[in-house]
Each structure stands twice: as C-alpha cells, then as structure tokens.
Amino acid sequence: MDYAASVQWLGTMREDGAHNASKFGVELAGAVAAQPGGRRLLRCLQPKTGALQWLLTFAGEQPLQAFFDDSHDLWFSHFSQLTSSESPTTLRTLLSSYRQPLRQARVLLQFLFPLRQSTSLEHLADQLIPAVQEAQRYAGFIGAEVLLNVQDNSLQLLLFWHDSQGCQRYTADKPAIITRAIEQLAAVMYKPQAFVVLGVSGGTQ
C-alpha cells in the first residue's frame, strides 16, 4: 500500500473562487510533492453544489505530522479564503486498489458512513474487498481507495472512474454486494455522492 495517511479538506466554492482555486491547486501540489514523504493531491468538485473535496496524501503518519508542523495551517488558510470551509480531517488509508493510473480518473463516487462500534479492521477488509472486486466488472472502473477517519471512526469508500457513463451504470445497478457490505459496516447509511476529478498530482497509483 503506497499511501498511509491523508488529510482531507472540504468546502464550498465561493462564486469568485474558481480561477484562483485552480492556480492554488497547482501551487499546493508542488508543496505536497516537495514535502518529505509527500505523495499526492487529489482535487474533486461537485459542479451542481460547488462542494470541494481535496485529499493530500503522505507516505505515513510521520510525514503527515511534519506537514502539519511545518506549513499546513498556512496552506489551509489560503484554501479557506477560496471557500466556506470545514476543518481538516485526518484519514488513514486501509486499502488501495488501482487497475490503471489514478491520473486517468475523471469521476469519483464516494460512499461515506459512520462505522458500527464493533467493526474490526479484519471485518472491514472481508466486506469491502469483494465490493471492490464487483466494481471491476464495470467498464471505465479504475480502482478504489478506503479511508478511515481516525477522529470520528467514519469510513469512506472512494471508487474512481474514467468517465461518468461507467459510474452511472454502476449506481443504476446498485450492486447487492456493496449494499450488503455497507449494511454490515455502517451505523447510518448515507446516499453516495459523485464528484468530478479536477486533477491528480503526484503518484499515479
């Protein structure tokens, strides 16, 4: 597993922020790449709502903590000026499975839910690996990533796609295996959300 620790920034784009956000994303990608242990910046947007999701990924807990100690607050303050933002969320990568380079991703389908108190890491893997394997049957599927929020014990399953058509077919089918997996793991079930991938900088996997 290449990526071990991430910080997620969430916000809603201000009307005058689109151009500046693009420029800032390029600058931030360079900062993440220059940080020892820095791996990747994933930038996503929901066009209808203006919701932004940026994911900064590092090789482990120590590089992530070094970024927080060094320059995270400064970069996040710039992000906050472009958006009405929430606080950063620290995440841990549990599973990464990519068939093609992640740079090719154009759509992200996010399943987000709080975990049941009794859920173990072994149980997570048992439930989610078959769900990812099921998604591989669909044209346009690139891969998946599972992120655990270490602050509130919630989980994100991120499914990456070449285009919206494959993602739409998947969501229309509502494969039973992913539904059962989430029913087994989730304390509360939320509707999956689709994001357009604005850019992936750094590692291709």
Protein backbone atom coordinates (compact mmCIF):
# COMPACT_ATOMS: atom_id res chain seq x y z
CA MET A 1 0.00 0.00 0.00
CA ASP A 2 1.67 3.20 -1.20
CA TYR A 3 -0.33 5.75 0.79
CA ALA A 4 -0.74 5.52 4.51
CA ALA A 5 -2.02 8.86 5.83
CA SER A 6 -4.06 11.71 4.40
CA VAL A 7 -5.66 15.00 5.35
CA GLN A 8 -8.95 15.94 3.70
CA TRP A 9 -10.13 19.49 3.11
CA LEU A 10 -13.84 20.08 2.49
CA GLY A 11 -15.52 23.32 1.47
CA THR A 12 -17.98 25.07 -0.83
CA MET A 13 -16.55 27.16 -3.64
CA ARG A 14 -17.22 30.88 -3.46
CA GLU A 15 -18.54 32.43 -6.66
CA ASP A 16 -15.31 34.31 -7.35
CA GLY A 17 -13.02 31.44 -6.32
CA ALA A 18 -12.91 29.09 -9.33
CA HIS A 19 -9.95 30.57 -11.20
CA ASN A 20 -7.90 31.21 -8.07
CA ALA A 21 -8.64 27.69 -6.80
CA SER A 22 -7.13 26.20 -9.96
CA LYS A 23 -3.97 28.28 -9.59
CA PHE A 24 -3.76 27.49 -5.89
CA GLY A 25 -4.17 23.76 -6.58
CA VAL A 26 -1.06 23.80 -8.77
CA GLU A 27 0.92 25.57 -6.05
CA LEU A 28 -0.31 23.20 -3.33
CA ALA A 29 0.52 20.13 -5.45
CA GLY A 30 4.09 21.38 -5.68
CA ALA A 31 4.24 21.89 -1.92
CA VAL A 32 2.98 18.37 -1.22
CA ALA A 33 5.47 16.88 -3.70
CA ALA A 34 8.33 18.84 -2.10
CA GLN A 35 7.43 17.71 1.41
CA PRO A 36 9.46 14.63 2.51
CA GLY A 37 7.03 11.73 2.28
CA GLY A 38 4.53 13.78 0.25
CA ARG A 39 2.71 11.66 -2.30
CA ARG A 40 -0.41 13.06 -3.92
CA LEU A 41 -3.00 15.81 -4.15
CA LEU A 42 -6.47 14.77 -5.36
CA ARG A 43 -8.86 17.64 -6.19
CA CYS A 44 -12.58 16.99 -6.72
CA LEU A 45 -15.68 19.14 -7.24
CA GLN A 46 -19.45 18.65 -7.28
CA PRO A 47 -20.47 21.06 -10.09
CA LYS A 48 -24.11 21.46 -9.02
CA THR A 49 -23.36 22.26 -5.38
CA GLY A 50 -19.87 23.75 -5.60
CA ALA A 51 -18.67 21.26 -2.94
CA LEU A 52 -14.91 20.78 -2.99
CA GLN A 53 -13.01 17.76 -1.70
CA TRP A 54 -9.21 17.93 -1.67
CA LEU A 55 -7.18 14.99 -0.39
CA LEU A 56 -3.48 15.42 0.50
CA THR A 57 -1.75 12.07 0.88
CA PHE A 58 1.55 11.15 2.53
CA ALA A 59 3.68 8.04 2.94
CA GLY A 60 2.83 7.67 6.62
CA GLU A 61 1.87 9.30 9.88
CA GLN A 62 5.26 10.95 10.42
CA PRO A 63 5.38 12.80 7.06
CA LEU A 64 1.78 13.91 7.58
CA GLN A 65 2.60 15.24 11.06
CA ALA A 66 5.69 17.01 9.68
CA PHE A 67 3.49 18.76 7.11
CA PHE A 68 1.11 19.86 9.89
CA ASP A 69 4.00 21.15 11.99
CA ASP A 70 5.62 22.94 9.05
CA SER A 71 3.12 24.60 6.73
CA HIS A 72 -0.34 23.02 6.83
CA ASP A 73 -2.09 25.91 8.60
CA LEU A 74 -0.75 28.45 6.10
CA TRP A 75 -1.90 26.43 3.08
CA PHE A 76 -5.28 25.69 4.66
CA SER A 77 -5.85 29.38 5.36
CA HIS A 78 -5.44 30.05 1.62
CA PHE A 79 -7.95 27.28 0.88
CA SER A 80 -10.37 28.82 3.37
CA GLN A 81 -10.19 32.16 1.55
CA LEU A 82 -11.49 30.47 -1.62
CA THR A 83 -14.23 28.51 0.12
CA SER A 84 -16.54 28.39 3.10
CA SER A 85 -14.56 25.50 4.52
CA GLU A 86 -14.79 22.89 7.22
CA SER A 87 -11.92 21.86 9.47
CA PRO A 88 -9.35 19.42 8.07
CA THR A 89 -9.98 15.72 8.67
CA THR A 90 -7.12 13.28 9.27
CA LEU A 91 -7.57 9.95 7.49
CA ARG A 92 -5.75 6.64 7.31
CA THR A 93 -5.62 4.61 4.09
CA LEU A 94 -6.67 0.99 4.64
CA LEU A 95 -6.95 -0.29 1.08
CA SER A 96 -5.78 0.96 -2.31
CA SER A 97 -6.52 -0.98 -5.47
CA TYR A 98 -5.91 0.62 -8.88
CA ARG A 99 -6.02 -1.15 -12.25
CA GLN A 100 -4.95 1.95 -14.22
CA PRO A 101 -3.01 5.06 -13.20
CA LEU A 102 -5.13 7.23 -10.97
CA ARG A 103 -4.27 10.25 -13.15
CA GLN A 104 -6.81 8.92 -15.65
CA ALA A 105 -9.69 9.30 -13.17
CA ARG A 106 -12.41 11.77 -14.15
CA VAL A 107 -15.17 10.82 -11.70
CA LEU A 108 -15.11 9.88 -8.03
CA LEU A 109 -18.02 8.06 -6.37
CA GLN A 110 -17.87 8.44 -2.59
CA PHE A 111 -19.59 6.19 -0.06
CA LEU A 112 -19.35 7.83 3.38
CA PHE A 113 -20.73 6.40 6.61
CA PRO A 114 -20.02 6.10 10.36
CA LEU A 115 -18.87 2.64 11.39
CA ARG A 116 -20.58 0.40 13.89
CA GLN A 117 -18.75 0.38 17.21
CA SER A 118 -17.98 -3.34 16.94
CA THR A 119 -16.33 -3.17 13.50
CA SER A 120 -12.77 -4.53 13.33
CA LEU A 121 -10.20 -3.88 10.60
CA GLU A 122 -10.39 -7.53 9.59
CA HIS A 123 -14.15 -7.24 9.18
CA LEU A 124 -13.69 -4.13 7.04
CA ALA A 125 -11.41 -5.98 4.64
CA ASP A 126 -13.71 -9.00 4.47
CA GLN A 127 -16.66 -6.81 3.47
CA LEU A 128 -15.03 -4.24 1.20
CA ILE A 129 -12.62 -6.30 -0.92
CA PRO A 130 -15.47 -8.25 -2.59
CA ALA A 131 -17.31 -4.96 -3.16
CA VAL A 132 -14.27 -3.54 -4.98
CA GLN A 133 -13.90 -6.73 -7.00
CA GLU A 134 -17.55 -6.44 -8.04
CA ALA A 135 -16.96 -2.91 -9.34
CA GLN A 136 -14.15 -4.23 -11.56
CA ARG A 137 -16.79 -5.86 -13.79
CA TYR A 138 -17.88 -2.41 -14.98
CA ALA A 139 -16.30 -0.66 -17.95
CA GLY A 140 -14.48 2.51 -17.02
CA PHE A 141 -13.64 1.46 -13.46
CA ILE A 142 -10.11 2.47 -12.44
CA GLY A 143 -9.84 1.48 -8.81
CA ALA A 144 -10.74 2.11 -5.21
CA GLU A 145 -9.43 3.57 -2.01
CA VAL A 146 -10.70 3.07 1.54
CA LEU A 147 -10.10 5.85 4.07
CA LEU A 148 -10.73 5.66 7.81
CA ASN A 149 -11.39 8.90 9.69
CA VAL A 150 -9.34 8.46 12.84
CA GLN A 151 -11.18 11.32 14.56
CA ASP A 152 -14.78 10.11 14.40
CA ASN A 153 -14.49 6.46 13.26
CA SER A 154 -16.21 7.02 9.92
CA LEU A 155 -15.21 5.37 6.66
CA GLN A 156 -15.04 6.48 3.04
CA LEU A 157 -15.03 4.10 0.10
CA LEU A 158 -13.81 6.01 -2.98
CA LEU A 159 -14.43 4.44 -6.39
CA PHE A 160 -12.61 6.05 -9.32
CA TRP A 161 -13.88 6.03 -12.93
CA HIS A 162 -12.65 7.03 -16.39
CA ASP A 163 -15.95 8.76 -17.17
CA SER A 164 -19.46 9.34 -15.91
CA GLN A 165 -21.05 6.59 -18.04
CA GLY A 166 -19.48 3.69 -16.16
CA CYS A 167 -20.19 5.34 -12.83
CA GLN A 168 -23.82 5.94 -13.78
CA ARG A 169 -24.29 2.31 -14.84
CA TYR A 170 -22.83 1.18 -11.54
CA THR A 171 -25.08 3.42 -9.44
CA ALA A 172 -28.14 2.49 -11.53
CA ASP A 173 -27.48 -1.23 -10.97
CA LYS A 174 -26.95 -0.75 -7.22
CA PRO A 175 -24.90 -3.97 -6.91
CA ALA A 176 -26.18 -6.01 -3.99
CA ILE A 177 -22.67 -6.78 -2.77
CA ILE A 178 -21.84 -3.14 -1.98
CA THR A 179 -25.25 -2.61 -0.39
CA ARG A 180 -24.78 -5.65 1.87
CA ALA A 181 -21.25 -4.56 2.80
CA ILE A 182 -22.38 -1.12 3.89
CA GLU A 183 -25.34 -2.56 5.79
CA GLN A 184 -22.89 -4.76 7.70
CA LEU A 185 -20.49 -1.92 8.49
CA ALA A 186 -22.49 1.30 8.76
CA ALA A 187 -24.19 2.68 11.81
CA VAL A 188 -26.04 5.05 9.45
CA MET A 189 -26.27 4.83 5.66
CA TYR A 190 -25.83 7.96 3.52
CA LYS A 191 -26.51 8.38 -0.19
CA PRO A 192 -23.33 8.05 -2.31
CA GLN A 193 -22.02 11.30 -3.78
CA ALA A 194 -20.34 11.80 -7.18
CA PHE A 195 -17.50 14.29 -7.73
CA VAL A 196 -15.72 15.44 -10.87
CA VAL A 197 -11.95 14.93 -10.53
CA LEU A 198 -10.29 18.27 -11.24
CA GLY A 199 -6.79 16.88 -11.03
CA VAL A 200 -4.47 14.27 -9.54
CA SER A 201 -0.94 15.46 -8.84
CA GLY A 202 1.88 13.24 -7.67
CA GLY A 203 1.82 9.43 -7.67
CA THR A 204 -0.05 7.63 -10.44
CA GLN A 205 -1.11 4.78 -8.16
